[in-house]
Amino acid sequence: MTKQRVKQAILSCNEVGDKAFVPYIMAGDGGLATLKKNILFLQEAGATTIEVGIPFSDPVADGEVIQQAGERALAEGITFRKVLNELATFRDEVTVPLVIMTYLNPVLSYGLNVLAADCEKSGVYGLIIPDLPLEESGMLTDALIDSDVALIQLVSLTSPSERIEAIAKAAEGFIYAVTVNGITGVRSSFTEGLEGHLQRLKEASSVPVLAGFGISTPEQVKNLGALADGVIVGSAIVTALHENDLATITQLIDASKNTVSHR
């Protein structure tokens, strides 16, 4: 299996002069029925791939906005299995690869023996598990080895060069470059060393590098998109969907278009 679906979607976007835009949504925020509506809207608006969050009771990487969305989804009885089952019902209408963002506990509870097959049935071609370090990821890479589901690695701002090289060597789909120290959430500014950090990642990696955490305005999408192969926007998307502010989402996605810099 090639595990190329997510990577190729990003590269295809870059090839036509755009940067990848990956919106994050919390599955089941507003009820399970909103999942199809939100995904098809984001697809139509120009998302490159869509990151679908699974609600979890101890979301260590998530800031307040996404935590609250997760609490609303948990109150609706949303589970990992329900999300994949729902995604499977409209898979034929989804033309962009989906990526699941969850934590290790829900993955283990789901069952590694059936996870890859169920993901593929649901149009999911990537997994992001922020509490699973590279050194402990062998059991999951083994479970995904015969599938097209990529295990996407995160790299922090404080990662030393040898760790960056190890992650880049193992990378599938894309590298999730965390652009702030700390949890997700809206930020007004980013560290001065970010440009050099992203450049080092791009030089080390054979897969695209996407910048995420804290990106919330069209200006930030343009500025950070110019330094990476694309951006991931979470809290701002979750807030806009919760408030039914679709215009803001369209503006964010539009800001990723025609912003390619020379790599």
C-alpha atoms as a PDB file:
ATOM      1  CA  MET A   1       0.000   0.000   0.000  1.00  0.00           C
ATOM      2  CA  THR A   2       1.296   3.448  -0.877  1.00  0.00           C
ATOM      3  CA  LYS A   3      -0.268   5.688   1.801  1.00  0.00           C
ATOM      4  CA  GLN A   4      -0.215   8.452  -0.814  1.00  0.00           C
ATOM      5  CA  ARG A   5      -3.786   9.768  -0.713  1.00  0.00           C
ATOM      6  CA  VAL A   6      -3.218  12.599   1.760  1.00  0.00           C
ATOM      7  CA  LYS A   7       0.258  13.469   0.487  1.00  0.00           C
ATOM      8  CA  GLN A   8      -0.916  13.542  -3.118  1.00  0.00           C
ATOM      9  CA  ALA A   9      -3.893  15.773  -2.325  1.00  0.00           C
ATOM     10  CA  ILE A  10      -1.513  18.328  -0.814  1.00  0.00           C
ATOM     11  CA  LEU A  11       1.015  18.093  -3.649  1.00  0.00           C
ATOM     12  CA  SER A  12      -1.742  18.460  -6.251  1.00  0.00           C
ATOM     13  CA  CYS A  13      -2.896  21.599  -4.485  1.00  0.00           C
ATOM     14  CA  ASN A  14       0.640  23.023  -4.470  1.00  0.00           C
ATOM     15  CA  GLU A  15       1.128  22.171  -8.145  1.00  0.00           C
ATOM     16  CA  VAL A  16      -1.696  24.499  -9.199  1.00  0.00           C
ATOM     17  CA  GLY A  17      -0.295  27.414  -7.218  1.00  0.00           C
ATOM     18  CA  ASP A  18      -2.167  27.047  -3.925  1.00  0.00           C
ATOM     19  CA  LYS A  19      -1.235  26.060  -0.409  1.00  0.00           C
ATOM     20  CA  ALA A  20      -3.073  23.197   1.260  1.00  0.00           C
ATOM     21  CA  PHE A  21      -5.837  24.182   3.650  1.00  0.00           C
ATOM     22  CA  VAL A  22      -6.854  21.600   6.225  1.00  0.00           C
ATOM     23  CA  PRO A  23      -9.792  22.587   8.434  1.00  0.00           C
ATOM     24  CA  TYR A  24     -10.379  20.769  11.713  1.00  0.00           C
ATOM     25  CA  ILE A  25     -13.895  19.926  12.856  1.00  0.00           C
ATOM     26  CA  MET A  26     -15.114  18.181  15.983  1.00  0.00           C
ATOM     27  CA  ALA A  27     -17.241  15.225  14.946  1.00  0.00           C
ATOM     28  CA  GLY A  28     -20.667  15.373  16.538  1.00  0.00           C
ATOM     29  CA  ASP A  29     -20.513  18.965  17.751  1.00  0.00           C
ATOM     30  CA  GLY A  30     -24.130  19.894  17.132  1.00  0.00           C
ATOM     31  CA  GLY A  31     -25.098  16.244  16.680  1.00  0.00           C
ATOM     32  CA  LEU A  32     -23.887  13.454  14.426  1.00  0.00           C
ATOM     33  CA  ALA A  33     -26.108  14.678  11.594  1.00  0.00           C
ATOM     34  CA  THR A  34     -23.952  17.816  11.239  1.00  0.00           C
ATOM     35  CA  LEU A  35     -20.951  15.753  10.175  1.00  0.00           C
ATOM     36  CA  LYS A  36     -22.044  15.267   6.574  1.00  0.00           C
ATOM     37  CA  LYS A  37     -23.208  18.852   6.196  1.00  0.00           C
ATOM     38  CA  ASN A  38     -19.959  20.287   7.547  1.00  0.00           C
ATOM     39  CA  ILE A  39     -17.666  18.018   5.539  1.00  0.00           C
ATOM     40  CA  LEU A  40     -19.481  18.629   2.261  1.00  0.00           C
ATOM     41  CA  PHE A  41     -19.502  22.387   2.905  1.00  0.00           C
ATOM     42  CA  LEU A  42     -15.756  22.443   3.607  1.00  0.00           C
ATOM     43  CA  GLN A  43     -15.073  20.295   0.558  1.00  0.00           C
ATOM     44  CA  GLU A  44     -17.091  22.626  -1.652  1.00  0.00           C
ATOM     45  CA  ALA A  45     -15.351  25.662  -0.126  1.00  0.00           C
ATOM     46  CA  GLY A  46     -11.960  24.338  -1.208  1.00  0.00           C
ATOM     47  CA  ALA A  47     -10.489  22.311   1.654  1.00  0.00           C
ATOM     48  CA  THR A  48      -7.586  20.092   0.575  1.00  0.00           C
ATOM     49  CA  THR A  49      -8.258  17.461   3.194  1.00  0.00           C
ATOM     50  CA  ILE A  50     -10.382  17.603   6.346  1.00  0.00           C
ATOM     51  CA  GLU A  51      -9.261  16.737   9.857  1.00  0.00           C
ATOM     52  CA  VAL A  52     -12.076  15.139  11.847  1.00  0.00           C
ATOM     53  CA  GLY A  53     -11.662  15.213  15.610  1.00  0.00           C
ATOM     54  CA  ILE A  54     -12.994  12.428  17.809  1.00  0.00           C
ATOM     55  CA  PRO A  55     -14.292  13.691  21.174  1.00  0.00           C
ATOM     56  CA  PHE A  56     -12.329  12.419  24.156  1.00  0.00           C
ATOM     57  CA  SER A  57     -12.598  13.033  27.886  1.00  0.00           C
ATOM     58  CA  ASP A  58      -8.912  13.920  28.342  1.00  0.00           C
ATOM     59  CA  PRO A  59      -7.814  15.877  25.251  1.00  0.00           C
ATOM     60  CA  VAL A  60      -4.322  16.905  26.358  1.00  0.00           C
ATOM     61  CA  ALA A  61      -3.395  18.783  23.161  1.00  0.00           C
ATOM     62  CA  ASP A  62      -6.604  20.769  22.824  1.00  0.00           C
ATOM     63  CA  GLY A  63      -7.323  24.313  23.915  1.00  0.00           C
ATOM     64  CA  GLU A  64     -10.553  25.622  25.372  1.00  0.00           C
ATOM     65  CA  VAL A  65     -12.519  25.988  22.131  1.00  0.00           C
ATOM     66  CA  ILE A  66     -11.907  22.415  20.983  1.00  0.00           C
ATOM     67  CA  GLN A  67     -12.305  21.033  24.508  1.00  0.00           C
ATOM     68  CA  GLN A  68     -15.749  22.637  24.725  1.00  0.00           C
ATOM     69  CA  ALA A  69     -16.681  21.280  21.296  1.00  0.00           C
ATOM     70  CA  GLY A  70     -15.595  17.840  22.455  1.00  0.00           C
ATOM     71  CA  GLU A  71     -17.712  18.137  25.576  1.00  0.00           C
ATOM     72  CA  ARG A  72     -20.734  19.052  23.463  1.00  0.00           C
ATOM     73  CA  ALA A  73     -20.086  16.053  21.210  1.00  0.00           C
ATOM     74  CA  LEU A  74     -19.629  13.685  24.162  1.00  0.00           C
ATOM     75  CA  ALA A  75     -22.943  14.933  25.541  1.00  0.00           C
ATOM     76  CA  GLU A  76     -24.479  13.813  22.220  1.00  0.00           C
ATOM     77  CA  GLY A  77     -23.097  10.313  22.802  1.00  0.00           C
ATOM     78  CA  ILE A  78     -20.532  10.530  20.019  1.00  0.00           C
ATOM     79  CA  THR A  79     -17.937   7.745  19.833  1.00  0.00           C
ATOM     80  CA  PHE A  80     -15.126   6.851  17.432  1.00  0.00           C
ATOM     81  CA  ARG A  81     -17.168   3.942  16.072  1.00  0.00           C
ATOM     82  CA  LYS A  82     -20.255   6.086  15.504  1.00  0.00           C
ATOM     83  CA  VAL A  83     -18.166   8.636  13.614  1.00  0.00           C
ATOM     84  CA  LEU A  84     -16.626   6.073  11.256  1.00  0.00           C
ATOM     85  CA  ASN A  85     -20.008   4.449  10.693  1.00  0.00           C
ATOM     86  CA  GLU A  86     -21.534   7.830   9.838  1.00  0.00           C
ATOM     87  CA  LEU A  87     -18.671   8.757   7.505  1.00  0.00           C
ATOM     88  CA  ALA A  88     -19.162   5.477   5.654  1.00  0.00           C
ATOM     89  CA  THR A  89     -22.774   6.409   4.834  1.00  0.00           C
ATOM     90  CA  PHE A  90     -21.712   9.300   2.587  1.00  0.00           C
ATOM     91  CA  ARG A  91     -18.216   8.250   1.576  1.00  0.00           C
ATOM     92  CA  ASP A  92     -19.118   8.299  -2.115  1.00  0.00           C
ATOM     93  CA  GLU A  93     -19.868  12.038  -1.869  1.00  0.00           C
ATOM     94  CA  VAL A  94     -16.509  12.924  -0.337  1.00  0.00           C
ATOM     95  CA  THR A  95     -13.732  13.574  -2.839  1.00  0.00           C
ATOM     96  CA  VAL A  96     -11.046  14.802  -0.422  1.00  0.00           C
ATOM     97  CA  PRO A  97      -9.187  12.432   1.913  1.00  0.00           C
ATOM     98  CA  LEU A  98     -10.268  12.622   5.535  1.00  0.00           C
ATOM     99  CA  VAL A  99      -7.866  12.513   8.468  1.00  0.00           C
ATOM    100  CA  ILE A 100      -8.915  11.468  11.974  1.00  0.00           C
ATOM    101  CA  MET A 101      -7.436  13.290  14.958  1.00  0.00           C
ATOM    102  CA  THR A 102      -7.841  11.322  18.167  1.00  0.00           C
ATOM    103  CA  TYR A 103      -5.927  10.017  21.164  1.00  0.00           C
ATOM    104  CA  LEU A 104      -4.371   6.650  21.842  1.00  0.00           C
ATOM    105  CA  ASN A 105      -7.000   5.418  24.291  1.00  0.00           C
ATOM    106  CA  PRO A 106      -9.922   5.608  21.801  1.00  0.00           C
ATOM    107  CA  VAL A 107      -7.741   3.926  19.163  1.00  0.00           C
ATOM    108  CA  LEU A 108      -6.901   1.010  21.434  1.00  0.00           C
ATOM    109  CA  SER A 109     -10.515   0.752  22.582  1.00  0.00           C
ATOM    110  CA  TYR A 110     -11.657   0.628  18.964  1.00  0.00           C
ATOM    111  CA  GLY A 111      -9.419  -2.323  18.153  1.00  0.00           C
ATOM    112  CA  LEU A 112      -6.229  -2.232  16.120  1.00  0.00           C
ATOM    113  CA  ASN A 113      -7.230  -5.361  14.208  1.00  0.00           C
ATOM    114  CA  VAL A 114     -10.170  -3.635  12.497  1.00  0.00           C
ATOM    115  CA  LEU A 115      -9.116   0.019  12.584  1.00  0.00           C
ATOM    116  CA  ALA A 116      -7.424   0.266   9.187  1.00  0.00           C
ATOM    117  CA  ALA A 117     -10.203  -1.495   7.284  1.00  0.00           C
ATOM    118  CA  ASP A 118     -12.907   0.580   8.960  1.00  0.00           C
ATOM    119  CA  CYS A 119     -10.999   3.795   8.238  1.00  0.00           C
ATOM    120  CA  GLU A 120     -10.715   2.952   4.551  1.00  0.00           C
ATOM    121  CA  LYS A 121     -14.430   2.085   4.358  1.00  0.00           C
ATOM    122  CA  SER A 122     -15.119   5.560   5.747  1.00  0.00           C
ATOM    123  CA  GLY A 123     -12.807   7.520   3.432  1.00  0.00           C
ATOM    124  CA  VAL A 124     -10.238   8.101   6.180  1.00  0.00           C
ATOM    125  CA  TYR A 125      -6.664   8.031   4.910  1.00  0.00           C
ATOM    126  CA  GLY A 126      -4.756   9.486   7.838  1.00  0.00           C
ATOM    127  CA  LEU A 127      -4.541   9.323  11.628  1.00  0.00           C
ATOM    128  CA  ILE A 128      -3.130  11.987  13.946  1.00  0.00           C
ATOM    129  CA  ILE A 129      -2.550  10.833  17.524  1.00  0.00           C
ATOM    130  CA  PRO A 130      -0.833  13.594  19.518  1.00  0.00           C
ATOM    131  CA  ASP A 131      -0.225  11.497  22.636  1.00  0.00           C
ATOM    132  CA  LEU A 132       1.536   8.720  20.702  1.00  0.00           C
ATOM    133  CA  PRO A 133       5.269   9.501  20.403  1.00  0.00           C
ATOM    134  CA  LEU A 134       7.244   8.153  17.484  1.00  0.00           C
ATOM    135  CA  GLU A 135       9.150   5.752  19.736  1.00  0.00           C
ATOM    136  CA  GLU A 136       5.924   4.022  20.782  1.00  0.00           C
ATOM    137  CA  SER A 137       4.138   4.043  17.430  1.00  0.00           C
ATOM    138  CA  GLY A 138       5.264   0.613  16.233  1.00  0.00           C
ATOM    139  CA  MET A 139       2.074  -1.182  17.214  1.00  0.00           C
ATOM    140  CA  LEU A 140       0.012   1.272  15.199  1.00  0.00           C
ATOM    141  CA  THR A 141       2.256   1.316  12.151  1.00  0.00           C
ATOM    142  CA  ASP A 142       2.084  -2.483  12.184  1.00  0.00           C
ATOM    143  CA  ALA A 143      -1.728  -2.326  12.292  1.00  0.00           C
ATOM    144  CA  LEU A 144      -1.789   0.093   9.357  1.00  0.00           C
ATOM    145  CA  ILE A 145       0.962  -1.518   7.283  1.00  0.00           C
ATOM    146  CA  ASP A 146      -1.316  -3.179   4.717  1.00  0.00           C
ATOM    147  CA  SER A 147      -3.598  -0.160   4.366  1.00  0.00           C
ATOM    148  CA  ASP A 148      -3.587   3.246   2.685  1.00  0.00           C
ATOM    149  CA  VAL A 149      -3.995   4.942   6.081  1.00  0.00           C
ATOM    150  CA  ALA A 150      -1.022   7.158   6.936  1.00  0.00           C
ATOM    151  CA  LEU A 151       0.133   7.759  10.507  1.00  0.00           C
ATOM    152  CA  ILE A 152       0.827  11.487  10.612  1.00  0.00           C
ATOM    153  CA  GLN A 153       3.528  12.705  12.976  1.00  0.00           C
ATOM    154  CA  LEU A 154       3.652  15.969  14.896  1.00  0.00           C
ATOM    155  CA  VAL A 155       6.856  17.959  15.375  1.00  0.00           C
ATOM    156  CA  SER A 156       7.128  20.593  18.096  1.00  0.00           C
ATOM    157  CA  LEU A 157       9.083  23.830  18.004  1.00  0.00           C
ATOM    158  CA  THR A 158      11.475  22.430  20.583  1.00  0.00           C
ATOM    159  CA  SER A 159      12.277  19.168  18.774  1.00  0.00           C
ATOM    160  CA  PRO A 160      16.063  18.700  18.442  1.00  0.00           C
ATOM    161  CA  SER A 161      17.539  18.087  14.999  1.00  0.00           C
ATOM    162  CA  GLU A 162      18.032  14.349  15.537  1.00  0.00           C
ATOM    163  CA  ARG A 163      14.374  13.949  16.452  1.00  0.00           C
ATOM    164  CA  ILE A 164      13.297  15.969  13.433  1.00  0.00           C
ATOM    165  CA  GLU A 165      15.370  13.644  11.243  1.00  0.00           C
ATOM    166  CA  ALA A 166      13.847  10.534  12.842  1.00  0.00           C
ATOM    167  CA  ILE A 167      10.306  11.829  12.392  1.00  0.00           C
ATOM    168  CA  ALA A 168      11.005  12.944   8.827  1.00  0.00           C
ATOM    169  CA  LYS A 169      12.321   9.471   7.985  1.00  0.00           C
ATOM    170  CA  ALA A 170       9.163   7.815   9.334  1.00  0.00           C
ATOM    171  CA  ALA A 171       6.744  10.456   8.049  1.00  0.00           C
ATOM    172  CA  GLU A 172       3.635   9.524   6.088  1.00  0.00           C
ATOM    173  CA  GLY A 173       0.979  11.801   4.616  1.00  0.00           C
ATOM    174  CA  PHE A 174       2.408  15.053   5.915  1.00  0.00           C
ATOM    175  CA  ILE A 175       4.344  16.396   8.864  1.00  0.00           C
ATOM    176  CA  TYR A 176       2.201  18.380  11.297  1.00  0.00           C
ATOM    177  CA  ALA A 177       4.461  21.255  12.322  1.00  0.00           C
ATOM    178  CA  VAL A 178       3.213  22.658  15.616  1.00  0.00           C
ATOM    179  CA  THR A 179       3.725  26.415  15.355  1.00  0.00           C
ATOM    180  CA  VAL A 180       3.339  27.338  19.030  1.00  0.00           C
ATOM    181  CA  ASN A 181       4.447  25.992  22.366  1.00  0.00           C
ATOM    182  CA  GLY A 182       1.445  24.617  24.225  1.00  0.00           C
ATOM    183  CA  ILE A 183      -2.077  23.594  23.303  1.00  0.00           C
ATOM    184  CA  THR A 184      -4.312  24.490  20.386  1.00  0.00           C
ATOM    185  CA  GLY A 185      -6.104  27.812  20.299  1.00  0.00           C
ATOM    186  CA  VAL A 186      -6.125  31.220  18.666  1.00  0.00           C
ATOM    187  CA  ARG A 187      -2.839  33.168  18.780  1.00  0.00           C
ATOM    188  CA  SER A 188      -2.034  36.742  17.825  1.00  0.00           C
ATOM    189  CA  SER A 189       1.666  36.147  17.179  1.00  0.00           C
ATOM    190  CA  PHE A 190       4.195  33.397  16.548  1.00  0.00           C
ATOM    191  CA  THR A 191       7.788  32.839  17.629  1.00  0.00           C
ATOM    192  CA  GLU A 192      10.614  34.526  15.731  1.00  0.00           C
ATOM    193  CA  GLY A 193      12.322  31.195  15.040  1.00  0.00           C
ATOM    194  CA  LEU A 194       9.332  29.677  13.274  1.00  0.00           C
ATOM    195  CA  GLU A 195      10.478  30.378   9.716  1.00  0.00           C
ATOM    196  CA  GLY A 196      13.802  28.619  10.241  1.00  0.00           C
ATOM    197  CA  HIS A 197      12.075  25.724  11.988  1.00  0.00           C
ATOM    198  CA  LEU A 198       9.671  25.178   9.093  1.00  0.00           C
ATOM    199  CA  GLN A 199      12.488  25.452   6.569  1.00  0.00           C
ATOM    200  CA  ARG A 200      14.485  22.772   8.392  1.00  0.00           C
ATOM    201  CA  LEU A 201      11.456  20.496   8.386  1.00  0.00           C
ATOM    202  CA  LYS A 202      10.891  20.986   4.667  1.00  0.00           C
ATOM    203  CA  GLU A 203      14.535  20.232   3.915  1.00  0.00           C
ATOM    204  CA  ALA A 204      14.446  17.040   6.003  1.00  0.00           C
ATOM    205  CA  SER A 205      11.073  15.711   4.887  1.00  0.00           C
ATOM    206  CA  SER A 206       9.975  13.743   1.834  1.00  0.00           C
ATOM    207  CA  VAL A 207       6.325  14.532   2.614  1.00  0.00           C
ATOM    208  CA  PRO A 208       4.646  17.963   2.772  1.00  0.00           C
ATOM    209  CA  VAL A 209       4.964  20.095   5.894  1.00  0.00           C
ATOM    210  CA  LEU A 210       1.800  21.743   7.215  1.00  0.00           C
ATOM    211  CA  ALA A 211       1.753  24.422   9.901  1.00  0.00           C
ATOM    212  CA  GLY A 212      -0.881  24.150  12.609  1.00  0.00           C
ATOM    213  CA  PHE A 213      -1.949  25.340  16.087  1.00  0.00           C
ATOM    214  CA  GLY A 214      -2.974  28.949  16.629  1.00  0.00           C
ATOM    215  CA  ILE A 215      -3.751  29.936  13.030  1.00  0.00           C
ATOM    216  CA  SER A 216      -7.005  31.875  13.009  1.00  0.00           C
ATOM    217  CA  THR A 217      -7.007  34.760  10.495  1.00  0.00           C
ATOM    218  CA  PRO A 218      -6.680  35.040   6.705  1.00  0.00           C
ATOM    219  CA  GLU A 219      -3.450  37.003   7.215  1.00  0.00           C
ATOM    220  CA  GLN A 220      -1.976  34.194   9.312  1.00  0.00           C
ATOM    221  CA  VAL A 221      -3.071  31.649   6.704  1.00  0.00           C
ATOM    222  CA  LYS A 222      -1.195  33.617   4.031  1.00  0.00           C
ATOM    223  CA  ASN A 223       1.894  34.307   6.131  1.00  0.00           C
ATOM    224  CA  LEU A 224       2.342  30.803   7.524  1.00  0.00           C
ATOM    225  CA  GLY A 225       1.261  29.215   4.268  1.00  0.00           C
ATOM    226  CA  ALA A 226       4.148  31.010   2.583  1.00  0.00           C
ATOM    227  CA  LEU A 227       6.562  29.235   4.944  1.00  0.00           C
ATOM    228  CA  ALA A 228       5.085  25.731   4.643  1.00  0.00           C
ATOM    229  CA  ASP A 229       3.201  23.555   2.167  1.00  0.00           C
ATOM    230  CA  GLY A 230      -0.095  24.444   3.784  1.00  0.00           C
ATOM    231  CA  VAL A 231      -1.897  25.195   7.021  1.00  0.00           C
ATOM    232  CA  ILE A 232      -4.223  23.501   9.477  1.00  0.00           C
ATOM    233  CA  VAL A 233      -6.892  25.647  11.114  1.00  0.00           C
ATOM    234  CA  GLY A 234      -8.799  24.276  14.088  1.00  0.00           C
ATOM    235  CA  SER A 235     -10.249  26.523  16.770  1.00  0.00           C
ATOM    236  CA  ALA A 236     -11.322  29.259  14.346  1.00  0.00           C
ATOM    237  CA  ILE A 237     -13.176  26.703  12.191  1.00  0.00           C
ATOM    238  CA  VAL A 238     -14.830  25.053  15.205  1.00  0.00           C
ATOM    239  CA  THR A 239     -16.015  28.440  16.485  1.00  0.00           C
ATOM    240  CA  ALA A 240     -17.306  29.526  13.086  1.00  0.00           C
ATOM    241  CA  LEU A 241     -19.243  26.285  12.568  1.00  0.00           C
ATOM    242  CA  HIS A 242     -20.710  26.519  16.063  1.00  0.00           C
ATOM    243  CA  GLU A 243     -21.880  30.060  15.287  1.00  0.00           C
ATOM    244  CA  ASN A 244     -22.914  29.165  11.707  1.00  0.00           C
ATOM    245  CA  ASP A 245     -20.483  31.799  10.431  1.00  0.00           C
ATOM    246  CA  LEU A 246     -19.729  30.211   7.091  1.00  0.00           C
ATOM    247  CA  ALA A 247     -18.405  33.434   5.553  1.00  0.00           C
ATOM    248  CA  THR A 248     -15.442  33.445   7.937  1.00  0.00           C
ATOM    249  CA  ILE A 249     -14.561  29.884   6.931  1.00  0.00           C
ATOM    250  CA  THR A 250     -14.705  30.767   3.240  1.00  0.00           C
ATOM    251  CA  GLN A 251     -12.390  33.734   3.826  1.00  0.00           C
ATOM    252  CA  LEU A 252      -9.877  31.528   5.645  1.00  0.00           C
ATOM    253  CA  ILE A 253      -9.855  28.926   2.875  1.00  0.00           C
ATOM    254  CA  ASP A 254      -9.649  31.566   0.138  1.00  0.00           C
ATOM    255  CA  ALA A 255      -6.544  33.001   1.826  1.00  0.00           C
ATOM    256  CA  SER A 256      -4.688  29.761   1.067  1.00  0.00           C
ATOM    257  CA  LYS A 257      -5.118  30.126  -2.668  1.00  0.00           C
ATOM    258  CA  ASN A 258      -2.364  31.425  -4.957  1.00  0.00           C
ATOM    259  CA  THR A 259       0.176  31.846  -2.161  1.00  0.00           C
ATOM    260  CA  VAL A 260       2.898  29.457  -3.297  1.00  0.00           C
ATOM    261  CA  SER A 261       6.491  30.471  -2.596  1.00  0.00           C
ATOM    262  CA  HIS A 262       9.576  28.858  -4.109  1.00  0.00           C
ATOM    263  CA  ARG A 263      10.568  25.835  -2.077  1.00  0.00           C
END
